[in-house]
C-alpha atoms as a PDB file:
ATOM      1  CA  MET A   1     109.664  80.831 112.212  1.00  0.00           C
ATOM      2  CA  LEU A   2     110.543  84.412 111.304  1.00  0.00           C
ATOM      3  CA  LYS A   3     113.188  86.100 113.396  1.00  0.00           C
ATOM      4  CA  THR A   4     112.128  88.903 115.734  1.00  0.00           C
ATOM      5  CA  ARG A   5     113.466  92.272 114.609  1.00  0.00           C
ATOM      6  CA  ILE A   6     114.948  94.922 116.894  1.00  0.00           C
ATOM      7  CA  ILE A   7     114.264  98.369 115.422  1.00  0.00           C
ATOM      8  CA  PRO A   8     115.236 101.845 116.649  1.00  0.00           C
ATOM      9  CA  CYS A   9     112.369 104.222 115.823  1.00  0.00           C
ATOM     10  CA  VAL A  10     113.578 107.824 115.896  1.00  0.00           C
ATOM     11  CA  LEU A  11     112.231 111.223 114.904  1.00  0.00           C
ATOM     12  CA  LEU A  12     113.789 113.749 112.534  1.00  0.00           C
ATOM     13  CA  LYS A  13     113.285 117.342 113.640  1.00  0.00           C
ATOM     14  CA  ASP A  14     115.253 120.425 112.537  1.00  0.00           C
ATOM     15  CA  HIS A  15     117.978 118.275 110.916  1.00  0.00           C
ATOM     16  CA  GLN A  16     118.580 116.340 114.158  1.00  0.00           C
ATOM     17  CA  LEU A  17     117.427 112.944 115.347  1.00  0.00           C
ATOM     18  CA  VAL A  18     115.313 113.227 118.488  1.00  0.00           C
ATOM     19  CA  LYS A  19     113.061 111.180 120.745  1.00  0.00           C
ATOM     20  CA  SER A  20     109.960 112.416 122.505  1.00  0.00           C
ATOM     21  CA  ILE A  21     107.826 111.736 125.540  1.00  0.00           C
ATOM     22  CA  ASN A  22     104.131 111.308 124.651  1.00  0.00           C
ATOM     23  CA  PHE A  23     104.862 113.006 121.307  1.00  0.00           C
ATOM     24  CA  SER A  24     106.192 116.147 123.050  1.00  0.00           C
ATOM     25  CA  SER A  25     109.189 117.172 125.175  1.00  0.00           C
ATOM     26  CA  PHE A  26     111.775 116.386 122.512  1.00  0.00           C
ATOM     27  CA  ARG A  27     115.280 115.288 123.458  1.00  0.00           C
ATOM     28  CA  THR A  28     118.126 115.279 120.941  1.00  0.00           C
ATOM     29  CA  ILE A  29     119.714 111.915 120.167  1.00  0.00           C
ATOM     30  CA  GLY A  30     122.385 113.228 117.832  1.00  0.00           C
ATOM     31  CA  HIS A  31     123.447 114.276 114.358  1.00  0.00           C
ATOM     32  CA  VAL A  32     121.918 112.190 111.592  1.00  0.00           C
ATOM     33  CA  VAL A  33     125.190 110.894 110.127  1.00  0.00           C
ATOM     34  CA  SER A  34     126.957 110.081 113.394  1.00  0.00           C
ATOM     35  CA  THR A  35     123.855 108.363 114.777  1.00  0.00           C
ATOM     36  CA  ALA A  36     123.435 106.275 111.632  1.00  0.00           C
ATOM     37  CA  ARG A  37     127.058 105.185 111.948  1.00  0.00           C
ATOM     38  CA  ILE A  38     126.457 104.118 115.546  1.00  0.00           C
ATOM     39  CA  TYR A  39     123.480 102.027 114.422  1.00  0.00           C
ATOM     40  CA  ASN A  40     125.665 100.365 111.798  1.00  0.00           C
ATOM     41  CA  ALA A  41     128.066  99.253 114.505  1.00  0.00           C
ATOM     42  CA  ARG A  42     125.321  97.672 116.601  1.00  0.00           C
ATOM     43  CA  ASN A  43     123.358  94.517 115.969  1.00  0.00           C
ATOM     44  CA  ILE A  44     120.071  96.160 114.987  1.00  0.00           C
ATOM     45  CA  ASP A  45     117.879  94.731 112.259  1.00  0.00           C
ATOM     46  CA  GLU A  46     116.154  97.776 110.810  1.00  0.00           C
ATOM     47  CA  LEU A  47     115.821 101.514 111.360  1.00  0.00           C
ATOM     48  CA  ILE A  48     112.660 103.643 111.267  1.00  0.00           C
ATOM     49  CA  VAL A  49     112.994 107.419 110.838  1.00  0.00           C
ATOM     50  CA  LEU A  50     109.872 109.598 111.020  1.00  0.00           C
ATOM     51  CA  ASP A  51     110.169 113.184 109.783  1.00  0.00           C
ATOM     52  CA  ILE A  52     108.123 115.396 112.149  1.00  0.00           C
ATOM     53  CA  ASN A  53     109.073 118.812 110.782  1.00  0.00           C
ATOM     54  CA  LYS A  54     105.960 120.958 110.764  1.00  0.00           C
ATOM     55  CA  ASN A  55     106.736 123.090 107.712  1.00  0.00           C
ATOM     56  CA  GLY A  56     104.938 120.670 105.417  1.00  0.00           C
ATOM     57  CA  LYS A  57     108.122 119.721 103.591  1.00  0.00           C
ATOM     58  CA  ILE A  58     109.965 116.435 103.840  1.00  0.00           C
ATOM     59  CA  ASP A  59     113.618 116.918 104.817  1.00  0.00           C
ATOM     60  CA  PHE A  60     114.972 114.876 101.917  1.00  0.00           C
ATOM     61  CA  GLU A  61     118.512 116.169 102.411  1.00  0.00           C
ATOM     62  CA  SER A  62     118.823 114.866 105.983  1.00  0.00           C
ATOM     63  CA  LEU A  63     117.006 111.650 105.118  1.00  0.00           C
ATOM     64  CA  GLU A  64     119.395 111.011 102.232  1.00  0.00           C
ATOM     65  CA  ASP A  65     122.345 111.574 104.587  1.00  0.00           C
ATOM     66  CA  ILE A  66     120.915 108.885 106.860  1.00  0.00           C
ATOM     67  CA  ALA A  67     120.242 106.508 103.975  1.00  0.00           C
ATOM     68  CA  ASN A  68     123.795 106.906 102.671  1.00  0.00           C
ATOM     69  CA  GLU A  69     125.194 105.809 106.033  1.00  0.00           C
ATOM     70  CA  CYS A  70     122.607 103.165 106.871  1.00  0.00           C
ATOM     71  CA  PHE A  71     123.572  99.580 106.033  1.00  0.00           C
ATOM     72  CA  MET A  72     120.437  97.959 107.443  1.00  0.00           C
ATOM     73  CA  PRO A  73     116.879  98.107 106.011  1.00  0.00           C
ATOM     74  CA  LEU A  74     115.511 101.636 106.391  1.00  0.00           C
ATOM     75  CA  THR A  75     111.897 102.779 106.749  1.00  0.00           C
ATOM     76  CA  ILE A  76     111.153 106.480 106.281  1.00  0.00           C
ATOM     77  CA  GLY A  77     107.891 108.198 107.144  1.00  0.00           C
ATOM     78  CA  GLY A  78     106.412 111.548 108.054  1.00  0.00           C
ATOM     79  CA  GLY A  79     104.888 114.052 105.661  1.00  0.00           C
ATOM     80  CA  ILE A  80     104.253 111.559 102.862  1.00  0.00           C
ATOM     81  CA  ARG A  81     101.179 112.640 100.925  1.00  0.00           C
ATOM     82  CA  THR A  82     101.675 111.516  97.328  1.00  0.00           C
ATOM     83  CA  LEU A  83     103.005 108.608  95.311  1.00  0.00           C
ATOM     84  CA  GLU A  84     105.780 110.934  94.157  1.00  0.00           C
ATOM     85  CA  ASP A  85     106.791 111.452  97.797  1.00  0.00           C
ATOM     86  CA  ILE A  86     107.099 107.678  98.148  1.00  0.00           C
ATOM     87  CA  ARG A  87     109.107 107.436  94.942  1.00  0.00           C
ATOM     88  CA  LYS A  88     111.532 110.109  96.156  1.00  0.00           C
ATOM     89  CA  VAL A  89     111.947 108.434  99.544  1.00  0.00           C
ATOM     90  CA  LEU A  90     112.697 105.095  97.896  1.00  0.00           C
ATOM     91  CA  ASP A  91     115.037 106.758  95.402  1.00  0.00           C
ATOM     92  CA  ILE A  92     117.190 108.245  98.173  1.00  0.00           C
ATOM     93  CA  GLY A  93     117.690 104.810  99.669  1.00  0.00           C
ATOM     94  CA  ALA A  94     114.733 103.792 101.843  1.00  0.00           C
ATOM     95  CA  ASP A  95     113.516 100.207 101.665  1.00  0.00           C
ATOM     96  CA  LYS A  96     110.049 100.959 103.045  1.00  0.00           C
ATOM     97  CA  VAL A  97     107.805 103.936 103.712  1.00  0.00           C
ATOM     98  CA  SER A  98     105.623 104.555 106.745  1.00  0.00           C
ATOM     99  CA  ILE A  99     102.349 106.339 106.088  1.00  0.00           C
ATOM    100  CA  ASN A 100      99.978 107.679 108.697  1.00  0.00           C
ATOM    101  CA  SER A 101      97.841 110.790 108.194  1.00  0.00           C
ATOM    102  CA  ILE A 102      97.273 110.324 104.464  1.00  0.00           C
ATOM    103  CA  ALA A 103      96.034 106.770 105.101  1.00  0.00           C
ATOM    104  CA  LEU A 104      93.528 108.092 107.644  1.00  0.00           C
ATOM    105  CA  HIS A 105      92.211 110.773 105.302  1.00  0.00           C
ATOM    106  CA  ASP A 106      92.343 108.692 102.118  1.00  0.00           C
ATOM    107  CA  PRO A 107      92.514 104.917 102.793  1.00  0.00           C
ATOM    108  CA  ASN A 108      92.541 104.242  99.049  1.00  0.00           C
ATOM    109  CA  PHE A 109      96.022 105.788  99.000  1.00  0.00           C
ATOM    110  CA  ILE A 110      97.267 102.562 100.583  1.00  0.00           C
ATOM    111  CA  LYS A 111      95.943 100.506  97.685  1.00  0.00           C
ATOM    112  CA  GLU A 112      97.486 102.941  95.182  1.00  0.00           C
ATOM    113  CA  ALA A 113     100.839 102.762  96.961  1.00  0.00           C
ATOM    114  CA  VAL A 114     100.740  98.965  97.142  1.00  0.00           C
ATOM    115  CA  ASN A 115      99.785  98.638  93.478  1.00  0.00           C
ATOM    116  CA  THR A 116     102.647 100.948  92.502  1.00  0.00           C
ATOM    117  CA  PHE A 117     105.450  99.888  94.852  1.00  0.00           C
ATOM    118  CA  GLY A 118     104.368  96.560  96.367  1.00  0.00           C
ATOM    119  CA  SER A 119     102.972  95.721  99.781  1.00  0.00           C
ATOM    120  CA  SER A 120     106.386  94.811 101.212  1.00  0.00           C
ATOM    121  CA  CYS A 121     107.454  98.449 101.224  1.00  0.00           C
ATOM    122  CA  VAL A 122     104.248  99.942 102.701  1.00  0.00           C
ATOM    123  CA  VAL A 123     104.100 100.223 106.500  1.00  0.00           C
ATOM    124  CA  CYS A 124     100.954 101.766 107.960  1.00  0.00           C
ATOM    125  CA  SER A 125     101.529 103.642 111.208  1.00  0.00           C
ATOM    126  CA  ILE A 126      98.784 103.852 113.832  1.00  0.00           C
ATOM    127  CA  ASP A 127      99.163 105.979 116.971  1.00  0.00           C
ATOM    128  CA  VAL A 128      96.925 105.062 119.903  1.00  0.00           C
ATOM    129  CA  LYS A 129      95.782 106.726 123.122  1.00  0.00           C
ATOM    130  CA  LYS A 130      93.414 105.450 125.749  1.00  0.00           C
ATOM    131  CA  ASP A 131      90.297 107.552 126.193  1.00  0.00           C
ATOM    132  CA  LYS A 132      87.607 106.764 128.769  1.00  0.00           C
ATOM    133  CA  GLY A 133      88.834 103.210 129.051  1.00  0.00           C
ATOM    134  CA  CYS A 134      88.914 102.540 125.303  1.00  0.00           C
ATOM    135  CA  PHE A 135      91.768 102.542 122.803  1.00  0.00           C
ATOM    136  CA  LYS A 136      91.361 105.249 120.169  1.00  0.00           C
ATOM    137  CA  VAL A 137      93.402 106.396 117.201  1.00  0.00           C
ATOM    138  CA  PHE A 138      95.396 109.556 117.852  1.00  0.00           C
ATOM    139  CA  ASN A 139      96.307 112.012 115.087  1.00  0.00           C
ATOM    140  CA  ASP A 140      97.054 115.396 116.677  1.00  0.00           C
ATOM    141  CA  GLU A 141      93.866 114.703 118.625  1.00  0.00           C
ATOM    142  CA  ILE A 142      91.919 111.682 119.812  1.00  0.00           C
ATOM    143  CA  LEU A 143      89.685 110.349 117.043  1.00  0.00           C
ATOM    144  CA  ASP A 144      86.603 108.191 117.457  1.00  0.00           C
ATOM    145  CA  ILE A 145      88.261 105.353 115.544  1.00  0.00           C
ATOM    146  CA  ASP A 146      89.051 101.910 116.901  1.00  0.00           C
ATOM    147  CA  PRO A 147      92.741 101.172 116.155  1.00  0.00           C
ATOM    148  CA  LEU A 148      92.191  97.450 115.615  1.00  0.00           C
ATOM    149  CA  GLU A 149      89.390  98.062 113.113  1.00  0.00           C
ATOM    150  CA  LEU A 150      91.670 100.555 111.356  1.00  0.00           C
ATOM    151  CA  ALA A 151      94.567  98.072 111.262  1.00  0.00           C
ATOM    152  CA  LEU A 152      92.310  95.385 109.784  1.00  0.00           C
ATOM    153  CA  ARG A 153      91.132  97.854 107.142  1.00  0.00           C
ATOM    154  CA  TYR A 154      94.736  98.718 106.280  1.00  0.00           C
ATOM    155  CA  GLU A 155      95.577  95.019 106.057  1.00  0.00           C
ATOM    156  CA  ALA A 156      92.670  94.452 103.667  1.00  0.00           C
ATOM    157  CA  LEU A 157      93.930  97.315 101.498  1.00  0.00           C
ATOM    158  CA  GLY A 158      97.314  95.621 101.157  1.00  0.00           C
ATOM    159  CA  ALA A 159      99.552  97.149 103.812  1.00  0.00           C
ATOM    160  CA  GLY A 160     102.641  95.022 104.447  1.00  0.00           C
ATOM    161  CA  GLU A 161     103.085  95.840 108.141  1.00  0.00           C
ATOM    162  CA  ILE A 162     101.539  97.842 110.969  1.00  0.00           C
ATOM    163  CA  LEU A 163     103.624 100.134 113.184  1.00  0.00           C
ATOM    164  CA  LEU A 164     101.579 100.422 116.377  1.00  0.00           C
ATOM    165  CA  THR A 165     102.626 103.177 118.798  1.00  0.00           C
ATOM    166  CA  SER A 166     101.175 103.728 122.253  1.00  0.00           C
ATOM    167  CA  VAL A 167     101.271 107.492 122.780  1.00  0.00           C
ATOM    168  CA  ASP A 168     100.655 106.993 126.497  1.00  0.00           C
ATOM    169  CA  LYS A 169     103.738 104.776 126.783  1.00  0.00           C
ATOM    170  CA  GLU A 170     105.929 106.522 124.228  1.00  0.00           C
ATOM    171  CA  GLY A 171     109.136 107.798 125.832  1.00  0.00           C
ATOM    172  CA  SER A 172     108.050 106.601 129.278  1.00  0.00           C
ATOM    173  CA  ALA A 173     110.542 103.713 129.626  1.00  0.00           C
ATOM    174  CA  LEU A 174     107.801 101.891 131.560  1.00  0.00           C
ATOM    175  CA  GLY A 175     107.389  98.927 129.233  1.00  0.00           C
ATOM    176  CA  TYR A 176     105.127  98.303 126.275  1.00  0.00           C
ATOM    177  CA  ASP A 177     101.361  98.662 126.567  1.00  0.00           C
ATOM    178  CA  LEU A 178     100.564  94.990 127.123  1.00  0.00           C
ATOM    179  CA  GLU A 179      96.844  95.659 127.281  1.00  0.00           C
ATOM    180  CA  LEU A 180      97.012  97.160 123.801  1.00  0.00           C
ATOM    181  CA  LEU A 181      98.932  94.139 122.550  1.00  0.00           C
ATOM    182  CA  LYS A 182      96.342  91.795 124.063  1.00  0.00           C
ATOM    183  CA  TYR A 183      93.669  93.762 122.213  1.00  0.00           C
ATOM    184  CA  PHE A 184      95.496  93.088 118.927  1.00  0.00           C
ATOM    185  CA  GLN A 185      96.670  89.560 119.740  1.00  0.00           C
ATOM    186  CA  ASP A 186      96.145  87.074 116.881  1.00  0.00           C
ATOM    187  CA  LYS A 187      93.925  89.505 114.982  1.00  0.00           C
ATOM    188  CA  LEU A 188      96.273  90.457 112.126  1.00  0.00           C
ATOM    189  CA  LYS A 189      97.866  88.305 109.455  1.00  0.00           C
ATOM    190  CA  ILE A 190     100.568  90.873 108.643  1.00  0.00           C
ATOM    191  CA  PRO A 191     103.527  91.696 110.939  1.00  0.00           C
ATOM    192  CA  LEU A 192     102.937  94.014 113.890  1.00  0.00           C
ATOM    193  CA  ILE A 193     105.737  96.322 115.060  1.00  0.00           C
ATOM    194  CA  ILE A 194     105.089  97.521 118.610  1.00  0.00           C
ATOM    195  CA  ASN A 195     106.490 100.892 119.667  1.00  0.00           C
ATOM    196  CA  GLY A 196     106.436 102.985 122.831  1.00  0.00           C
ATOM    197  CA  GLY A 197     107.804 102.145 126.265  1.00  0.00           C
ATOM    198  CA  LEU A 198     110.596  99.601 125.674  1.00  0.00           C
ATOM    199  CA  SER A 199     112.890  99.947 128.705  1.00  0.00           C
ATOM    200  CA  LYS A 200     114.530  96.552 129.316  1.00  0.00           C
ATOM    201  CA  PRO A 201     114.997  93.234 127.504  1.00  0.00           C
ATOM    202  CA  GLN A 202     112.183  91.499 129.413  1.00  0.00           C
ATOM    203  CA  ASP A 203     109.712  94.021 127.954  1.00  0.00           C
ATOM    204  CA  GLY A 204     110.492  92.566 124.551  1.00  0.00           C
ATOM    205  CA  VAL A 205     109.843  89.010 125.710  1.00  0.00           C
ATOM    206  CA  GLU A 206     106.423  89.997 127.059  1.00  0.00           C
ATOM    207  CA  ALA A 207     105.532  91.790 123.817  1.00  0.00           C
ATOM    208  CA  ILE A 208     106.504  88.897 121.565  1.00  0.00           C
ATOM    209  CA  LYS A 209     104.514  86.453 123.698  1.00  0.00           C
ATOM    210  CA  LEU A 210     101.480  88.682 123.126  1.00  0.00           C
ATOM    211  CA  GLY A 211     101.840  88.614 119.354  1.00  0.00           C
ATOM    212  CA  ALA A 212     104.223  91.408 118.388  1.00  0.00           C
ATOM    213  CA  ASN A 213     106.519  90.491 115.499  1.00  0.00           C
ATOM    214  CA  ALA A 214     109.089  93.264 115.912  1.00  0.00           C
ATOM    215  CA  LEU A 215     110.233  95.524 118.748  1.00  0.00           C
ATOM    216  CA  ALA A 216     110.701  99.250 118.166  1.00  0.00           C
ATOM    217  CA  GLY A 217     112.039 101.806 120.610  1.00  0.00           C
ATOM    218  CA  ALA A 218     114.358 104.762 121.090  1.00  0.00           C
ATOM    219  CA  PHE A 219     115.009 105.473 124.774  1.00  0.00           C
ATOM    220  CA  ILE A 220     116.545 102.060 125.453  1.00  0.00           C
ATOM    221  CA  PHE A 221     119.110 102.451 122.665  1.00  0.00           C
ATOM    222  CA  HIS A 222     120.353 105.868 123.770  1.00  0.00           C
ATOM    223  CA  PHE A 223     119.610 106.458 127.449  1.00  0.00           C
ATOM    224  CA  SER A 224     119.995 103.054 129.108  1.00  0.00           C
ATOM    225  CA  GLN A 225     122.739 100.500 129.689  1.00  0.00           C
ATOM    226  CA  TYR A 226     121.083  97.954 127.421  1.00  0.00           C
ATOM    227  CA  THR A 227     122.249  97.168 123.907  1.00  0.00           C
ATOM    228  CA  PRO A 228     120.369  95.507 121.035  1.00  0.00           C
ATOM    229  CA  ASN A 229     122.360  92.345 121.765  1.00  0.00           C
ATOM    230  CA  ASP A 230     121.132  92.387 125.371  1.00  0.00           C
ATOM    231  CA  ILE A 231     117.568  92.304 124.082  1.00  0.00           C
ATOM    232  CA  LYS A 232     118.370  89.521 121.639  1.00  0.00           C
ATOM    233  CA  LYS A 233     120.103  87.412 124.276  1.00  0.00           C
ATOM    234  CA  GLU A 234     117.045  87.701 126.508  1.00  0.00           C
ATOM    235  CA  LEU A 235     114.759  86.706 123.643  1.00  0.00           C
ATOM    236  CA  LEU A 236     116.928  83.687 122.891  1.00  0.00           C
ATOM    237  CA  LYS A 237     116.643  82.555 126.515  1.00  0.00           C
ATOM    238  CA  HIS A 238     112.919  82.265 125.857  1.00  0.00           C
ATOM    239  CA  GLU A 239     113.445  80.441 122.547  1.00  0.00           C
ATOM    240  CA  ILE A 240     112.409  83.463 120.498  1.00  0.00           C
ATOM    241  CA  PRO A 241     114.463  83.455 117.270  1.00  0.00           C
ATOM    242  CA  VAL A 242     116.586  86.520 116.476  1.00  0.00           C
ATOM    243  CA  ARG A 243     119.397  87.436 114.114  1.00  0.00           C
ATOM    244  CA  ILE A 244     122.810  87.221 115.751  1.00  0.00           C
ATOM    245  CA  ILE A 245     126.050  88.411 114.154  1.00  0.00           C
END
Protein backbone atom coordinates (compact mmCIF):
# COMPACT_ATOMS: atom_id res chain seq x y z
CA MET A 1 0.00 0.00 0.00
CA LEU A 2 1.33 3.43 -0.95
CA LYS A 3 2.29 5.73 1.88
CA THR A 4 0.13 8.79 2.54
CA ARG A 5 1.95 12.01 1.72
CA ILE A 6 1.88 15.17 3.84
CA ILE A 7 2.27 18.21 1.57
CA PRO A 8 2.43 21.93 2.38
CA CYS A 9 0.65 23.81 -0.42
CA VAL A 10 1.67 27.47 -0.41
CA LEU A 11 1.25 30.48 -2.67
CA LEU A 12 3.96 32.68 -4.17
CA LYS A 13 2.99 36.34 -4.33
CA ASP A 14 5.31 39.35 -4.70
CA HIS A 15 8.41 37.23 -3.96
CA GLN A 16 6.95 35.99 -0.65
CA LEU A 17 5.24 32.77 0.32
CA VAL A 18 1.69 33.40 1.52
CA LYS A 19 -1.51 31.58 2.43
CA SER A 20 -5.02 32.79 1.77
CA ILE A 21 -8.54 32.46 3.07
CA ASN A 22 -11.03 31.50 0.33
CA PHE A 23 -8.43 32.63 -2.24
CA SER A 24 -8.30 36.16 -0.75
CA SER A 25 -7.09 37.85 2.45
CA PHE A 26 -3.46 36.86 2.00
CA ARG A 27 -1.20 36.32 5.00
CA THR A 28 2.58 36.14 4.66
CA ILE A 29 4.24 32.87 5.66
CA GLY A 30 7.80 34.00 5.09
CA HIS A 31 10.72 34.51 2.74
CA VAL A 32 11.06 31.81 0.11
CA VAL A 33 14.53 30.61 1.11
CA SER A 34 14.03 30.58 4.88
CA THR A 35 10.66 28.84 4.53
CA ALA A 36 12.12 26.18 2.24
CA ARG A 37 14.84 25.54 4.80
CA ILE A 38 12.22 25.09 7.52
CA TYR A 39 10.41 22.54 5.34
CA ASN A 40 13.68 20.66 4.88
CA ALA A 41 14.01 20.31 8.63
CA ARG A 42 10.52 18.86 9.03
CA ASN A 43 9.22 15.46 8.05
CA ILE A 44 7.18 16.56 5.03
CA ASP A 45 6.97 14.44 1.91
CA GLU A 46 6.49 16.98 -0.86
CA LEU A 47 5.99 20.70 -1.39
CA ILE A 48 3.54 22.45 -3.73
CA VAL A 49 4.15 26.10 -4.66
CA LEU A 50 1.57 27.94 -6.77
CA ASP A 51 2.62 31.25 -8.31
CA ILE A 52 -0.36 33.64 -8.08
CA ASN A 53 1.29 36.83 -9.32
CA LYS A 54 -1.17 38.61 -11.58
CA ASN A 55 1.30 40.22 -13.98
CA GLY A 56 1.13 37.25 -16.33
CA LYS A 57 4.76 36.32 -15.74
CA ILE A 58 6.02 33.34 -13.80
CA ASP A 59 8.42 34.36 -11.01
CA PHE A 60 11.17 31.97 -12.10
CA GLU A 61 13.77 33.68 -9.93
CA SER A 62 11.90 33.09 -6.66
CA LEU A 63 10.86 29.60 -7.73
CA GLU A 64 14.47 28.70 -8.50
CA ASP A 65 15.49 29.98 -5.05
CA ILE A 66 12.94 27.61 -3.53
CA ALA A 67 14.02 24.70 -5.70
CA ASN A 68 17.67 25.21 -4.76
CA GLU A 69 16.81 24.89 -1.07
CA CYS A 70 14.16 22.19 -1.36
CA PHE A 71 15.34 18.63 -0.72
CA MET A 72 11.94 16.98 -1.08
CA PRO A 73 9.90 16.51 -4.30
CA LEU A 74 8.66 19.89 -5.52
CA THR A 75 5.55 20.70 -7.56
CA ILE A 76 5.31 24.16 -9.13
CA GLY A 77 2.20 25.67 -10.68
CA GLY A 78 0.55 28.96 -11.51
CA GLY A 79 0.78 30.82 -14.80
CA ILE A 80 1.85 27.81 -16.86
CA ARG A 81 0.52 28.20 -20.39
CA THR A 82 3.00 26.50 -22.71
CA LEU A 83 5.19 23.42 -22.93
CA GLU A 84 8.17 25.77 -22.72
CA ASP A 85 6.87 27.04 -19.37
CA ILE A 86 6.82 23.44 -18.14
CA ARG A 87 10.32 22.83 -19.46
CA LYS A 88 11.64 25.91 -17.65
CA VAL A 89 9.95 24.93 -14.39
CA LEU A 90 11.44 21.44 -14.57
CA ASP A 91 14.84 22.85 -15.53
CA ILE A 92 14.99 25.03 -12.41
CA GLY A 93 14.44 21.99 -10.23
CA ALA A 94 10.74 21.09 -10.01
CA ASP A 95 9.78 17.43 -10.11
CA LYS A 96 6.18 18.06 -11.18
CA VAL A 97 4.04 20.87 -12.56
CA SER A 98 0.51 21.80 -11.56
CA ILE A 99 -1.71 23.09 -14.33
CA ASN A 100 -5.13 24.64 -13.92
CA SER A 101 -6.49 27.37 -16.20
CA ILE A 102 -4.77 26.18 -19.37
CA ALA A 103 -6.24 22.69 -18.85
CA LEU A 104 -9.72 24.19 -18.56
CA HIS A 105 -9.35 26.25 -21.73
CA ASP A 106 -7.43 23.65 -23.74
CA PRO A 107 -7.78 20.10 -22.32
CA ASN A 108 -5.58 18.76 -25.13
CA PHE A 109 -2.69 20.62 -23.47
CA ILE A 110 -2.69 17.88 -20.84
CA LYS A 111 -2.12 15.21 -23.47
CA GLU A 112 0.66 17.29 -25.05
CA ALA A 113 2.33 17.78 -21.67
CA VAL A 114 2.05 14.09 -20.80
CA ASN A 115 3.41 13.01 -24.18
CA THR A 116 6.36 15.38 -23.78
CA PHE A 117 7.23 15.06 -20.08
CA GLY A 118 5.38 11.97 -18.82
CA SER A 119 2.23 11.63 -16.76
CA SER A 120 4.13 11.34 -13.47
CA CYS A 121 5.08 15.01 -13.60
CA VAL A 122 1.66 16.41 -14.59
CA VAL A 123 -0.68 17.36 -11.73
CA CYS A 124 -4.05 18.82 -12.72
CA SER A 125 -5.44 21.30 -10.21
CA ILE A 126 -9.20 21.70 -9.76
CA ASP A 127 -10.68 24.39 -7.51
CA VAL A 128 -14.23 23.80 -6.29
CA LYS A 129 -17.00 25.90 -4.76
CA LYS A 130 -20.49 24.88 -3.79
CA ASP A 131 -23.23 26.70 -5.67
CA LYS A 132 -26.93 26.13 -5.03
CA GLY A 133 -26.19 22.83 -3.36
CA CYS A 134 -23.95 21.50 -6.14
CA PHE A 135 -20.17 21.34 -6.46
CA LYS A 136 -18.89 23.46 -9.34
CA VAL A 137 -15.47 24.26 -10.74
CA PHE A 138 -14.16 27.67 -9.73
CA ASN A 139 -11.74 29.66 -11.89
CA ASP A 140 -11.98 33.33 -10.90
CA GLU A 141 -15.72 32.69 -11.06
CA ILE A 142 -18.07 29.75 -10.63
CA LEU A 143 -18.29 27.71 -13.83
CA ASP A 144 -21.08 25.37 -14.84
CA ILE A 145 -18.69 22.41 -14.80
CA ASP A 146 -18.93 19.37 -12.56
CA PRO A 147 -15.52 18.89 -10.87
CA LEU A 148 -15.74 15.09 -10.84
CA GLU A 149 -16.53 14.95 -14.56
CA LEU A 150 -13.59 17.31 -15.15
CA ALA A 151 -11.25 15.15 -13.04
CA LEU A 152 -12.28 12.03 -14.95
CA ARG A 153 -11.62 13.84 -18.23
CA TYR A 154 -8.18 14.90 -17.01
CA GLU A 155 -7.45 11.33 -15.93
CA ALA A 156 -8.42 10.04 -19.38
CA LEU A 157 -6.06 12.58 -20.96
CA GLY A 158 -3.16 11.20 -18.92
CA ALA A 159 -2.87 13.41 -15.85
CA GLY A 160 -0.79 11.76 -13.12
CA GLU A 161 -2.57 13.27 -10.12
CA ILE A 162 -5.44 15.59 -9.19
CA LEU A 163 -4.99 18.44 -6.71
CA LEU A 164 -8.51 19.10 -5.43
CA THR A 165 -9.01 22.34 -3.48
CA SER A 166 -12.20 23.35 -1.71
CA VAL A 167 -12.34 27.14 -2.01
CA ASP A 168 -15.03 27.27 0.67
CA LYS A 169 -12.75 25.46 3.13
CA GLU A 170 -9.44 26.93 2.02
CA GLY A 171 -7.75 28.80 4.88
CA SER A 172 -10.68 28.14 7.22
CA ALA A 173 -8.93 25.63 9.53
CA LEU A 174 -12.33 23.92 9.85
CA GLY A 175 -11.38 20.56 8.39
CA TYR A 176 -11.49 19.18 4.87
CA ASP A 177 -14.70 19.20 2.85
CA LEU A 178 -15.76 15.63 3.59
CA GLU A 179 -18.85 15.93 1.43
CA LEU A 180 -16.64 16.79 -1.53
CA LEU A 181 -14.43 13.80 -0.79
CA LYS A 182 -17.47 11.52 -0.60
CA TYR A 183 -18.50 12.84 -4.02
CA PHE A 184 -15.11 11.77 -5.42
CA GLN A 185 -14.72 8.58 -3.37
CA ASP A 186 -13.53 5.58 -5.41
CA LYS A 187 -14.16 7.39 -8.70
CA LEU A 188 -10.56 8.04 -9.79
CA LYS A 189 -7.76 5.61 -10.54
CA ILE A 190 -5.03 8.25 -10.15
CA PRO A 191 -3.96 9.77 -6.80
CA LEU A 192 -6.11 12.51 -5.29
CA ILE A 193 -4.47 15.27 -3.22
CA ILE A 194 -7.05 17.02 -1.04
CA ASN A 195 -6.45 20.65 -0.09
CA GLY A 196 -8.30 23.27 1.94
CA GLY A 197 -9.22 23.21 5.62
CA LEU A 198 -6.68 20.90 7.29
CA SER A 199 -6.59 22.02 10.94
CA LYS A 200 -5.70 18.98 13.07
CA PRO A 201 -4.34 15.45 12.59
CA GLN A 202 -7.78 13.81 12.83
CA ASP A 203 -8.86 15.76 9.73
CA GLY A 204 -6.27 13.80 7.80
CA VAL A 205 -7.57 10.47 9.07
CA GLU A 206 -11.10 11.33 7.96
CA ALA A 207 -9.88 12.41 4.51
CA ILE A 208 -7.84 9.27 3.89
CA LYS A 209 -10.77 7.06 4.93
CA LEU A 210 -12.83 8.83 2.27
CA GLY A 211 -10.33 8.11 -0.49
CA ALA A 212 -7.77 10.91 -0.45
CA ASN A 213 -4.24 9.72 -1.22
CA ALA A 214 -2.33 12.77 0.02
CA LEU A 215 -3.01 15.62 2.45
CA ALA A 216 -2.20 19.20 1.49
CA GLY A 217 -2.48 22.28 3.67
CA ALA A 218 -0.82 25.50 4.77
CA PHE A 219 -2.43 26.93 7.91
CA ILE A 220 -1.67 23.87 10.04
CA PHE A 221 2.05 24.01 9.24
CA HIS A 222 2.50 27.68 10.13
CA PHE A 223 -0.25 28.85 12.48
CA SER A 224 -0.99 25.86 14.72
CA GLN A 225 0.83 23.74 17.29
CA TYR A 226 0.75 20.67 15.07
CA THR A 227 3.74 19.38 13.13
CA PRO A 228 3.86 17.05 10.12
CA ASN A 229 4.97 14.29 12.50
CA ASP A 230 1.86 14.86 14.63
CA ILE A 231 -0.27 14.18 11.57
CA LYS A 232 1.74 11.10 10.68
CA LYS A 233 1.55 9.69 14.20
CA GLU A 234 -2.23 10.07 14.13
CA LEU A 235 -2.43 8.34 10.76
CA LEU A 236 -0.31 5.47 12.04
CA LYS A 237 -2.69 4.99 14.97
CA HIS A 238 -5.33 4.21 12.36
CA GLU A 239 -3.00 1.88 10.43
CA ILE A 240 -2.57 4.36 7.58
CA PRO A 241 0.99 3.97 6.22
CA VAL A 242 3.25 7.04 6.19
CA ARG A 243 6.93 7.80 5.76
CA ILE A 244 8.73 8.23 9.07
CA ILE A 245 12.32 9.43 9.43
